[in-house]
Amino acid sequence: MLGAEPRYRTRHPRYPQEAMKILLIVNPSASSVTARTRIVIQKALSADHRLEVAATSRRGHATRLAQGAANDNIDVVVVLGGDGTLNEAANGLAGTQTALAAVPGGSTNVFARTLGLPDDPVEATGALLDAMEAGSVRRVGLGSVNDRYFLFHTGVGFDAAVVERVERRGGLLKRFAGHPLFVVAAAETWLWHYDRRRPAFRVSSRRTDEEAFGDPETTGVDGLFTVCLNTDPYTYLGTRRLSLDPAATLDSPLSMVTFRSLTLARIIPVLVRALGLAGPPVAASPVVDHRGDVVEAVVSGYRPLPYQVDGDHLGEADELRFRHEPAVLDLVVPLGSPVLE
């Protein structure tokens, strides 16, 4: 799908006679990060390249580390952590010539798995080294919400309320409970902690073939939960993809999938479709409003809206403005990745 030629051939053009300069950003609190794994990955990356290592200590730290790496002409920033740490690094690198590489270290690792990387972080490091040697680096597009970039999606409403409940439980429980914790939090949120009776917001959008927004009163849609996708799948449940729009890719504009109802009778059939178990695509469901090729969108709240970006809860907002930002980030893509097909 990403048709651009590789930018790097064996060695980064900035250092044609030398090994590349790599910064490894490690989130030591991430679910799958252990001291042994970190040491093995450091040895692998430093075997043929000049490696620096930095550990995150607080929210937002990876963004500042990545910005510093770009200012210091680092060639590649490798992130060992979950999707939240990867998102922070992407926000520090967007618009620069320093590439981003993902090593799965979290509980779900949606973006790394979307790229086709192995779940094992050591195996994933080997795949990334092969990709860098082959020059498999692509300039890709991102989404942005209120000037915050996202790699794969932003969720507004119900799923953000679920993420907030998970984060309240603390890091240790999230580290060891993983997906079951999200299932329990989703059930609790649905039963007691989210208003499912009244619309929470109105979504209006502009496509690539439209010069301006339509009238929100006539072209917008009310919803209880919406996801703005930069890639698909939306997430994973165990080993199974939860797909909301297979057409959402890194080389296309955004996709907005809005749920107008959260009753079990309507949501369960959509979930079955999203898991690929039966039925037509999610977009064909009468309870879903689907908009593809979106370059801009506005979500206007009827009450304060919880929202999450790449799996991290960012609080509440009265209005969220989305934009597609094409060709803004260099990304190391593993050889044979589905995004290259």
Protein backbone atom coordinates (compact mmCIF):
# COMPACT_ATOMS: atom_id res chain seq x y z
CA MET A 1 0.00 0.00 0.00
CA LEU A 2 2.81 2.38 0.77
CA GLY A 3 4.36 2.84 -2.62
CA ALA A 4 7.33 5.09 -1.86
CA GLU A 5 10.81 3.65 -2.43
CA PRO A 6 12.92 2.88 0.66
CA ARG A 7 14.77 5.95 1.87
CA TYR A 8 17.73 4.11 3.39
CA ARG A 9 19.95 1.60 1.63
CA THR A 10 22.11 -0.42 4.02
CA ARG A 11 23.37 2.76 5.68
CA HIS A 12 21.59 6.00 6.35
CA PRO A 13 22.71 8.60 3.75
CA ARG A 14 23.70 10.91 6.57
CA TYR A 15 26.38 8.38 7.57
CA PRO A 16 27.32 6.46 4.40
CA GLN A 17 30.54 5.05 5.90
CA GLU A 18 29.32 4.54 9.45
CA ALA A 19 26.78 2.63 11.49
CA MET A 20 23.51 4.39 12.14
CA LYS A 21 22.90 6.35 15.33
CA ILE A 22 20.04 4.80 17.32
CA LEU A 23 18.29 5.92 20.47
CA LEU A 24 16.51 3.16 22.38
CA ILE A 25 13.69 4.58 24.52
CA VAL A 26 12.60 2.10 27.19
CA ASN A 27 9.48 2.29 29.33
CA PRO A 28 10.54 0.15 32.32
CA SER A 29 6.95 0.04 33.59
CA ALA A 30 5.52 -1.46 30.40
CA SER A 31 3.84 -4.86 30.73
CA SER A 32 6.35 -6.99 28.79
CA VAL A 33 9.58 -5.16 29.61
CA THR A 34 12.01 -7.12 31.79
CA ALA A 35 15.65 -6.46 32.65
CA ARG A 36 16.75 -9.51 30.67
CA THR A 37 14.78 -8.50 27.58
CA ARG A 38 16.18 -5.00 27.74
CA ILE A 39 19.78 -6.25 27.91
CA VAL A 40 19.32 -8.64 24.98
CA ILE A 41 17.77 -5.90 22.83
CA GLN A 42 20.51 -3.41 23.73
CA LYS A 43 23.19 -5.92 22.69
CA ALA A 44 21.44 -6.65 19.41
CA LEU A 45 21.04 -2.98 18.49
CA SER A 46 24.58 -2.04 19.49
CA ALA A 47 26.27 -4.86 17.57
CA ASP A 48 26.46 -2.90 14.31
CA HIS A 49 25.15 0.54 15.26
CA ARG A 50 25.94 3.38 17.64
CA LEU A 51 23.41 3.04 20.42
CA GLU A 52 22.20 5.36 23.16
CA VAL A 53 19.63 4.27 25.75
CA ALA A 54 17.15 6.34 27.74
CA ALA A 55 14.41 5.22 30.14
CA THR A 56 11.13 7.09 30.60
CA SER A 57 10.13 8.17 34.09
CA ARG A 58 6.84 10.03 33.63
CA ARG A 59 4.05 10.75 31.16
CA GLY A 60 5.27 12.83 28.22
CA HIS A 61 8.92 11.94 28.80
CA ALA A 62 9.21 9.91 25.57
CA THR A 63 8.12 12.95 23.54
CA ARG A 64 10.92 15.06 24.95
CA LEU A 65 13.46 12.27 24.47
CA ALA A 66 12.39 11.83 20.85
CA GLN A 67 12.53 15.57 20.18
CA GLY A 68 16.05 15.65 21.58
CA ALA A 69 17.04 12.71 19.37
CA ALA A 70 15.78 14.49 16.26
CA ASN A 71 17.66 17.66 17.25
CA ASP A 72 20.83 15.58 17.69
CA ASN A 73 20.45 14.00 14.23
CA ILE A 74 19.76 10.51 15.55
CA ASP A 75 18.80 8.27 12.63
CA VAL A 76 16.28 5.96 14.31
CA VAL A 77 14.41 6.07 17.61
CA VAL A 78 13.51 2.55 18.74
CA VAL A 79 10.75 2.37 21.37
CA LEU A 80 10.54 -0.58 23.75
CA GLY A 81 7.19 -0.05 25.44
CA GLY A 82 3.47 -0.03 24.86
CA ASP A 83 1.31 1.95 22.45
CA GLY A 84 1.23 4.98 24.75
CA THR A 85 5.02 5.32 24.82
CA LEU A 86 5.15 4.79 21.06
CA ASN A 87 2.56 7.55 20.59
CA GLU A 88 4.60 9.96 22.69
CA ALA A 89 7.72 9.26 20.63
CA ALA A 90 5.78 9.75 17.39
CA ASN A 91 4.66 13.16 18.62
CA GLY A 92 8.29 14.08 19.19
CA LEU A 93 9.42 12.88 15.75
CA ALA A 94 6.57 14.01 13.46
CA GLY A 95 7.84 16.45 10.88
CA THR A 96 11.51 15.44 11.35
CA GLN A 97 13.84 13.14 9.42
CA THR A 98 14.42 10.78 12.36
CA ALA A 99 12.64 7.45 11.91
CA LEU A 100 10.49 5.64 14.48
CA ALA A 101 10.72 1.89 15.14
CA ALA A 102 8.42 -0.10 17.45
CA VAL A 103 9.41 -3.00 19.71
CA PRO A 104 6.33 -4.47 21.46
CA GLY A 105 6.60 -4.06 25.23
CA GLY A 106 3.02 -3.40 26.32
CA SER A 107 -0.02 -5.54 26.99
CA THR A 108 -1.68 -5.23 23.55
CA ASN A 109 0.84 -3.56 21.20
CA VAL A 110 -1.76 -2.67 18.59
CA PHE A 111 0.51 -0.66 16.29
CA ALA A 112 3.44 -3.10 16.34
CA ARG A 113 1.08 -5.98 15.52
CA THR A 114 -0.58 -3.95 12.78
CA LEU A 115 2.86 -3.56 11.18
CA GLY A 116 3.30 -7.34 11.30
CA LEU A 117 6.01 -7.44 13.98
CA PRO A 118 6.35 -10.59 16.14
CA ASP A 119 4.84 -10.40 19.62
CA ASP A 120 8.16 -11.36 21.19
CA PRO A 121 10.25 -8.18 21.66
CA VAL A 122 13.57 -9.91 20.94
CA GLU A 123 12.24 -11.40 17.71
CA ALA A 124 10.74 -8.03 16.80
CA THR A 125 14.14 -6.38 17.29
CA GLY A 126 15.67 -8.85 14.83
CA ALA A 127 12.93 -8.03 12.29
CA LEU A 128 13.60 -4.30 12.71
CA LEU A 129 17.36 -4.74 12.23
CA ASP A 130 16.65 -6.63 8.99
CA ALA A 131 14.32 -3.83 7.90
CA MET A 132 16.89 -1.11 8.64
CA GLU A 133 19.58 -3.04 6.79
CA ALA A 134 17.27 -3.35 3.76
CA GLY A 135 16.30 0.33 3.92
CA SER A 136 12.63 -0.38 4.66
CA VAL A 137 11.71 3.06 5.98
CA ARG A 138 8.54 4.79 4.77
CA ARG A 139 7.08 8.26 5.17
CA VAL A 140 3.55 7.73 6.50
CA GLY A 141 0.56 9.81 7.49
CA LEU A 142 -0.85 10.32 10.97
CA GLY A 143 -4.08 11.55 12.43
CA SER A 144 -4.23 14.47 14.84
CA VAL A 145 -6.78 15.43 17.47
CA ASN A 146 -6.59 18.88 19.05
CA ASP A 147 -2.97 19.02 17.77
CA ARG A 148 -2.00 15.65 19.31
CA TYR A 149 -0.84 13.07 16.74
CA PHE A 150 -2.09 9.50 16.83
CA LEU A 151 -0.71 6.42 15.11
CA PHE A 152 -3.73 4.14 14.88
CA HIS A 153 -6.84 5.63 16.50
CA THR A 154 -8.56 8.04 18.85
CA GLY A 155 -11.63 6.88 20.74
CA VAL A 156 -14.29 9.27 22.05
CA GLY A 157 -16.97 8.42 24.58
CA PHE A 158 -17.51 4.89 25.79
CA ASP A 159 -14.12 3.29 25.08
CA ALA A 160 -12.30 6.28 26.57
CA ALA A 161 -14.36 5.83 29.74
CA VAL A 162 -13.27 2.17 29.78
CA VAL A 163 -9.59 3.12 29.38
CA GLU A 164 -9.94 5.62 32.23
CA ARG A 165 -11.27 2.89 34.55
CA VAL A 166 -8.40 0.57 33.58
CA GLU A 167 -5.82 3.27 34.31
CA ARG A 168 -7.42 3.93 37.71
CA ARG A 169 -6.68 0.33 38.70
CA GLY A 170 -2.94 1.04 38.66
CA GLY A 171 0.05 -0.18 36.68
CA LEU A 172 0.66 -3.51 38.41
CA LEU A 173 -2.87 -4.81 37.84
CA LYS A 174 -2.78 -3.70 34.21
CA ARG A 175 0.64 -5.31 33.81
CA PHE A 176 -0.48 -8.74 34.97
CA ALA A 177 -4.22 -8.85 34.24
CA GLY A 178 -4.00 -7.62 30.65
CA HIS A 179 -7.03 -8.19 28.44
CA PRO A 180 -9.32 -9.64 31.17
CA LEU A 181 -9.01 -6.33 33.01
CA PHE A 182 -10.28 -4.46 29.94
CA VAL A 183 -13.22 -6.85 29.61
CA VAL A 184 -14.19 -6.34 33.26
CA ALA A 185 -13.76 -2.55 32.97
CA ALA A 186 -15.92 -2.51 29.81
CA ALA A 187 -18.71 -4.39 31.60
CA GLU A 188 -18.55 -2.10 34.64
CA THR A 189 -18.54 1.02 32.48
CA TRP A 190 -21.48 -0.19 30.39
CA LEU A 191 -23.53 -1.12 33.45
CA TRP A 192 -22.86 1.77 35.83
CA HIS A 193 -20.49 4.44 34.59
CA TYR A 194 -21.64 5.68 31.18
CA ASP A 195 -24.86 7.33 30.06
CA ARG A 196 -26.16 5.10 27.25
CA ARG A 197 -29.56 6.76 26.94
CA ARG A 198 -28.68 10.20 25.55
CA PRO A 199 -26.38 11.12 22.64
CA ALA A 200 -23.02 12.37 23.91
CA PHE A 201 -21.87 14.33 20.86
CA ARG A 202 -22.38 15.23 17.21
CA VAL A 203 -19.86 14.32 14.50
CA SER A 204 -19.39 16.35 11.33
CA SER A 205 -16.66 15.72 8.77
CA ARG A 206 -15.11 16.69 5.44
CA ARG A 207 -13.89 14.17 2.88
CA THR A 208 -11.11 14.47 0.31
CA ASP A 209 -13.68 15.17 -2.41
CA GLU A 210 -15.38 17.99 -0.48
CA GLU A 211 -14.22 21.60 -0.33
CA ALA A 212 -15.95 22.50 2.94
CA PHE A 213 -17.84 21.06 5.88
CA GLY A 214 -21.53 20.50 5.39
CA ASP A 215 -24.09 21.89 7.79
CA PRO A 216 -23.68 19.87 11.03
CA GLU A 217 -27.45 19.97 11.54
CA THR A 218 -28.10 18.17 8.26
CA THR A 219 -24.89 16.21 7.55
CA GLY A 220 -23.71 15.45 11.10
CA VAL A 221 -24.62 12.42 13.17
CA ASP A 222 -25.29 12.02 16.90
CA GLY A 223 -23.45 9.27 18.72
CA LEU A 224 -22.47 7.63 22.00
CA PHE A 225 -19.08 6.34 20.92
CA THR A 226 -16.88 7.17 17.93
CA VAL A 227 -13.48 6.02 16.74
CA CYS A 228 -11.28 7.98 14.35
CA LEU A 229 -9.00 5.44 12.65
CA ASN A 230 -5.62 6.00 11.01
CA THR A 231 -5.16 2.22 10.58
CA ASP A 232 -7.08 -0.99 11.11
CA PRO A 233 -7.64 -3.01 13.30
CA TYR A 234 -9.06 -0.93 16.11
CA THR A 235 -7.51 -3.29 18.67
CA TYR A 236 -6.96 -6.98 19.43
CA LEU A 237 -8.82 -9.35 21.73
CA GLY A 238 -6.22 -11.99 22.47
CA THR A 239 -4.96 -13.11 19.08
CA ARG A 240 -8.03 -11.95 17.16
CA ARG A 241 -8.28 -8.63 15.35
CA LEU A 242 -11.16 -6.29 16.17
CA SER A 243 -11.65 -4.64 12.79
CA LEU A 244 -13.89 -1.60 12.31
CA ASP A 245 -12.76 -0.52 8.83
CA PRO A 246 -10.28 -2.63 6.81
CA ALA A 247 -9.90 0.27 4.36
CA ALA A 248 -8.16 2.44 6.98
CA THR A 249 -4.44 2.45 6.12
CA LEU A 250 -1.33 4.54 6.74
CA ASP A 251 -1.41 5.91 3.19
CA SER A 252 -5.07 7.00 3.16
CA PRO A 253 -7.07 9.68 5.00
CA LEU A 254 -8.91 8.94 8.22
CA SER A 255 -12.01 6.86 8.89
CA MET A 256 -14.76 7.82 11.37
CA VAL A 257 -16.88 5.01 12.83
CA THR A 258 -19.69 6.26 15.06
CA PHE A 259 -22.02 4.11 17.17
CA ARG A 260 -25.51 5.54 17.56
CA SER A 261 -26.62 2.98 20.13
CA LEU A 262 -24.94 0.90 22.83
CA THR A 263 -27.77 -1.50 23.64
CA LEU A 264 -26.62 -5.12 23.86
CA ALA A 265 -29.08 -6.22 21.18
CA ARG A 266 -27.41 -3.87 18.70
CA ILE A 267 -23.79 -3.94 19.85
CA ILE A 268 -23.27 -7.71 20.08
CA PRO A 269 -23.93 -8.28 16.34
CA VAL A 270 -21.47 -5.46 15.54
CA LEU A 271 -18.85 -7.04 17.81
CA VAL A 272 -19.35 -10.37 16.07
CA ARG A 273 -18.80 -8.67 12.72
CA ALA A 274 -15.74 -6.79 14.00
CA LEU A 275 -14.17 -10.06 15.13
CA GLY A 276 -14.76 -11.52 11.67
CA LEU A 277 -16.96 -14.32 13.02
CA ALA A 278 -20.04 -13.73 10.89
CA GLY A 279 -21.94 -11.19 8.84
CA PRO A 280 -20.98 -8.24 6.61
CA PRO A 281 -18.45 -5.54 7.59
CA VAL A 282 -19.12 -3.26 10.56
CA ALA A 283 -19.79 -0.32 8.23
CA ALA A 284 -22.90 -2.09 6.93
CA SER A 285 -24.54 -2.20 10.37
CA PRO A 286 -27.60 0.06 10.76
CA VAL A 287 -26.34 1.14 14.19
CA VAL A 288 -23.04 2.43 12.76
CA ASP A 289 -22.33 5.63 10.82
CA HIS A 290 -19.19 5.12 8.72
CA ARG A 291 -17.28 7.89 6.93
CA GLY A 292 -14.14 7.15 4.94
CA ASP A 293 -11.51 9.39 3.29
CA VAL A 294 -11.96 11.97 6.06
CA VAL A 295 -9.46 14.84 6.03
CA GLU A 296 -11.14 16.86 8.80
CA ALA A 297 -13.77 16.14 11.44
CA VAL A 298 -15.26 17.85 14.46
CA VAL A 299 -16.83 16.08 17.43
CA SER A 300 -18.95 18.55 19.41
CA GLY A 301 -20.00 17.37 22.87
CA TYR A 302 -23.40 17.75 24.47
CA ARG A 303 -21.47 17.21 27.71
CA PRO A 304 -17.73 16.88 28.48
CA LEU A 305 -16.30 14.06 26.38
CA PRO A 306 -13.75 11.53 27.62
CA TYR A 307 -11.24 10.63 24.92
CA GLN A 308 -8.24 8.37 24.53
CA VAL A 309 -5.40 8.49 22.01
CA ASP A 310 -3.66 5.24 21.01
CA GLY A 311 -4.90 3.65 24.22
CA ASP A 312 -3.99 6.45 26.66
CA HIS A 313 -6.79 8.40 28.39
CA LEU A 314 -6.19 12.13 27.92
CA GLY A 315 -9.08 13.57 29.93
CA GLU A 316 -12.22 15.35 28.75
CA ALA A 317 -12.98 18.01 26.16
CA ASP A 318 -16.04 19.88 24.95
CA GLU A 319 -14.89 19.73 21.32
CA LEU A 320 -12.39 17.57 19.44
CA ARG A 321 -10.96 18.58 16.06
CA PHE A 322 -9.44 15.88 13.86
CA ARG A 323 -7.15 16.27 10.87
CA HIS A 324 -5.32 13.91 8.55
CA GLU A 325 -1.62 14.80 8.36
CA PRO A 326 -0.14 13.08 5.28
CA ALA A 327 3.52 12.02 4.97
CA VAL A 328 4.62 13.38 8.33
CA LEU A 329 6.57 10.52 9.99
CA ASP A 330 9.41 8.21 8.90
CA LEU A 331 8.58 4.67 10.05
CA VAL A 332 10.71 1.53 10.04
CA VAL A 333 8.48 -1.11 8.45
CA PRO A 334 9.38 -4.82 8.80
CA LEU A 335 9.99 -6.75 5.61
CA GLY A 336 6.84 -8.54 4.48
CA SER A 337 4.62 -6.22 6.51
CA PRO A 338 0.94 -6.23 5.47
CA VAL A 339 1.05 -2.43 5.17
CA LEU A 340 3.44 -2.83 2.21
CA GLU A 341 1.14 -5.12 0.20
